[in-house]
């Protein structure tokens, strides 16, 4: 996460909280589940090859 924080200019706490909110809205508990949910909802059309 430090690279994400550095690029965004936000604190690590803020970035972590945004990610937690996204997980909650998608009703998932991990990055892998979030990617799958995003793909299923049409947000990540070209990401399927990265998630098995």
N, C-alpha and C. Protein backbone atom coordinates (compact mmCIF):
# COMPACT_ATOMS: atom_id res chain seq x y z
N UNK A 1 0.80 -1.21 0.00
CA UNK A 1 0.00 0.00 0.00
C UNK A 1 0.85 1.27 0.00
N UNK A 2 2.08 1.29 0.47
CA UNK A 2 2.85 2.53 0.50
C UNK A 2 2.95 3.23 -0.86
N UNK A 3 3.07 2.48 -1.96
CA UNK A 3 3.14 3.10 -3.28
C UNK A 3 1.84 3.82 -3.60
N UNK A 4 0.71 3.20 -3.26
CA UNK A 4 -0.59 3.82 -3.47
C UNK A 4 -0.68 5.12 -2.68
N UNK A 5 -0.25 5.08 -1.45
CA UNK A 5 -0.28 6.26 -0.59
C UNK A 5 0.61 7.36 -1.17
N UNK A 6 1.80 7.00 -1.58
CA UNK A 6 2.73 7.99 -2.13
C UNK A 6 2.16 8.65 -3.38
N UNK A 7 1.55 7.87 -4.24
CA UNK A 7 0.99 8.42 -5.49
C UNK A 7 -0.24 9.27 -5.25
N UNK A 8 -1.03 8.94 -4.23
CA UNK A 8 -2.28 9.66 -4.01
C UNK A 8 -2.08 10.94 -3.21
N UNK A 9 -1.02 11.00 -2.43
CA UNK A 9 -0.81 12.16 -1.58
C UNK A 9 -1.69 12.14 -0.34
N UNK A 10 -2.38 11.02 -0.10
CA UNK A 10 -3.25 10.85 1.07
C UNK A 10 -2.50 10.07 2.14
N UNK A 11 -2.99 10.12 3.37
CA UNK A 11 -2.38 9.33 4.43
C UNK A 11 -2.72 7.86 4.24
N UNK A 12 -1.90 6.99 4.81
CA UNK A 12 -2.15 5.55 4.72
C UNK A 12 -3.51 5.20 5.33
N UNK A 13 -3.85 5.85 6.42
CA UNK A 13 -5.15 5.61 7.07
C UNK A 13 -6.30 5.94 6.12
N UNK A 14 -6.21 7.05 5.43
CA UNK A 14 -7.27 7.47 4.50
C UNK A 14 -7.43 6.47 3.36
N UNK A 15 -6.32 6.05 2.78
CA UNK A 15 -6.36 5.08 1.68
C UNK A 15 -6.94 3.76 2.17
N UNK A 16 -6.48 3.30 3.33
CA UNK A 16 -6.98 2.04 3.89
C UNK A 16 -8.49 2.12 4.12
N UNK A 17 -8.97 3.24 4.64
CA UNK A 17 -10.41 3.41 4.91
C UNK A 17 -11.21 3.42 3.61
N UNK A 18 -10.69 4.06 2.57
CA UNK A 18 -11.38 4.05 1.27
C UNK A 18 -11.50 2.61 0.75
N UNK A 19 -10.43 1.84 0.87
CA UNK A 19 -10.45 0.44 0.43
C UNK A 19 -11.46 -0.36 1.24
N UNK A 20 -11.47 -0.16 2.56
CA UNK A 20 -12.46 -0.85 3.41
C UNK A 20 -13.88 -0.51 2.99
N UNK A 21 -14.14 0.74 2.66
CA UNK A 21 -15.48 1.16 2.21
C UNK A 21 -15.86 0.48 0.89
N UNK A 22 -14.91 0.37 -0.02
CA UNK A 22 -15.17 -0.30 -1.30
C UNK A 22 -15.49 -1.77 -1.05
N UNK A 23 -14.71 -2.44 -0.20
CA UNK A 23 -14.96 -3.85 0.12
C UNK A 23 -16.36 -4.01 0.72
N UNK A 24 -16.72 -3.10 1.60
CA UNK A 24 -18.04 -3.19 2.24
C UNK A 24 -19.16 -3.04 1.21
N UNK A 25 -19.02 -2.10 0.31
CA UNK A 25 -20.06 -1.89 -0.71
C UNK A 25 -20.17 -3.07 -1.67
N UNK A 26 -19.03 -3.69 -1.96
CA UNK A 26 -19.03 -4.86 -2.84
C UNK A 26 -19.37 -6.14 -2.09
N UNK A 27 -19.42 -6.06 -0.76
CA UNK A 27 -19.68 -7.21 0.10
C UNK A 27 -18.63 -8.29 -0.10
N UNK A 28 -17.35 -7.88 -0.03
CA UNK A 28 -16.22 -8.79 -0.17
C UNK A 28 -15.27 -8.59 1.00
N UNK A 29 -14.29 -9.51 1.13
CA UNK A 29 -13.34 -9.44 2.24
C UNK A 29 -11.88 -9.43 1.80
N UNK A 30 -11.62 -9.47 0.50
CA UNK A 30 -10.24 -9.50 0.05
C UNK A 30 -10.10 -8.82 -1.31
N UNK A 31 -8.85 -8.55 -1.66
CA UNK A 31 -8.56 -7.92 -2.95
C UNK A 31 -9.03 -8.83 -4.09
N UNK A 32 -8.78 -10.12 -3.95
CA UNK A 32 -9.17 -11.07 -4.99
C UNK A 32 -10.68 -11.08 -5.19
N UNK A 33 -11.43 -11.08 -4.09
CA UNK A 33 -12.89 -11.04 -4.18
C UNK A 33 -13.36 -9.71 -4.79
N UNK A 34 -12.69 -8.63 -4.45
CA UNK A 34 -13.05 -7.32 -4.99
C UNK A 34 -12.84 -7.27 -6.50
N UNK A 35 -11.75 -7.86 -6.96
CA UNK A 35 -11.48 -7.90 -8.40
C UNK A 35 -12.55 -8.72 -9.12
N UNK A 36 -12.88 -9.87 -8.54
CA UNK A 36 -13.93 -10.71 -9.14
C UNK A 36 -15.27 -9.97 -9.19
N UNK A 37 -15.62 -9.30 -8.08
CA UNK A 37 -16.89 -8.56 -8.03
C UNK A 37 -16.88 -7.42 -9.05
N UNK A 38 -15.77 -6.71 -9.15
CA UNK A 38 -15.65 -5.63 -10.12
C UNK A 38 -15.79 -6.12 -11.54
N UNK A 39 -15.20 -7.27 -11.81
CA UNK A 39 -15.33 -7.85 -13.15
C UNK A 39 -16.78 -8.27 -13.42
N UNK A 40 -17.39 -8.93 -12.45
CA UNK A 40 -18.77 -9.39 -12.60
C UNK A 40 -19.72 -8.22 -12.84
N UNK A 41 -19.44 -7.09 -12.20
CA UNK A 41 -20.29 -5.91 -12.34
C UNK A 41 -19.95 -5.08 -13.58
N UNK A 42 -18.90 -5.49 -14.31
CA UNK A 42 -18.54 -4.80 -15.54
C UNK A 42 -17.57 -3.65 -15.36
N UNK A 43 -17.02 -3.48 -14.15
CA UNK A 43 -16.07 -2.40 -13.92
C UNK A 43 -14.68 -2.73 -14.44
N UNK A 44 -14.35 -4.02 -14.51
CA UNK A 44 -13.01 -4.46 -14.87
C UNK A 44 -13.07 -5.49 -15.99
N UNK A 45 -13.42 -5.07 -17.14
CA UNK A 45 -13.64 -5.99 -18.25
C UNK A 45 -12.38 -6.76 -18.66
N UNK A 46 -11.20 -6.16 -18.59
CA UNK A 46 -9.99 -6.84 -19.06
C UNK A 46 -9.16 -7.47 -17.95
N UNK A 47 -9.68 -7.52 -16.72
CA UNK A 47 -8.90 -8.03 -15.60
C UNK A 47 -9.08 -9.54 -15.37
N UNK A 48 -9.98 -10.20 -16.06
CA UNK A 48 -10.30 -11.61 -15.80
C UNK A 48 -9.06 -12.50 -15.90
N UNK A 49 -8.14 -12.20 -16.80
CA UNK A 49 -6.97 -13.05 -16.98
C UNK A 49 -6.04 -13.04 -15.76
N UNK A 50 -6.17 -12.05 -14.87
CA UNK A 50 -5.31 -11.97 -13.70
C UNK A 50 -5.87 -12.68 -12.50
N UNK A 51 -7.14 -13.07 -12.53
CA UNK A 51 -7.78 -13.70 -11.39
C UNK A 51 -8.25 -15.08 -11.81
N UNK A 52 -7.84 -16.08 -11.07
CA UNK A 52 -8.26 -17.44 -11.43
C UNK A 52 -9.46 -17.86 -10.62
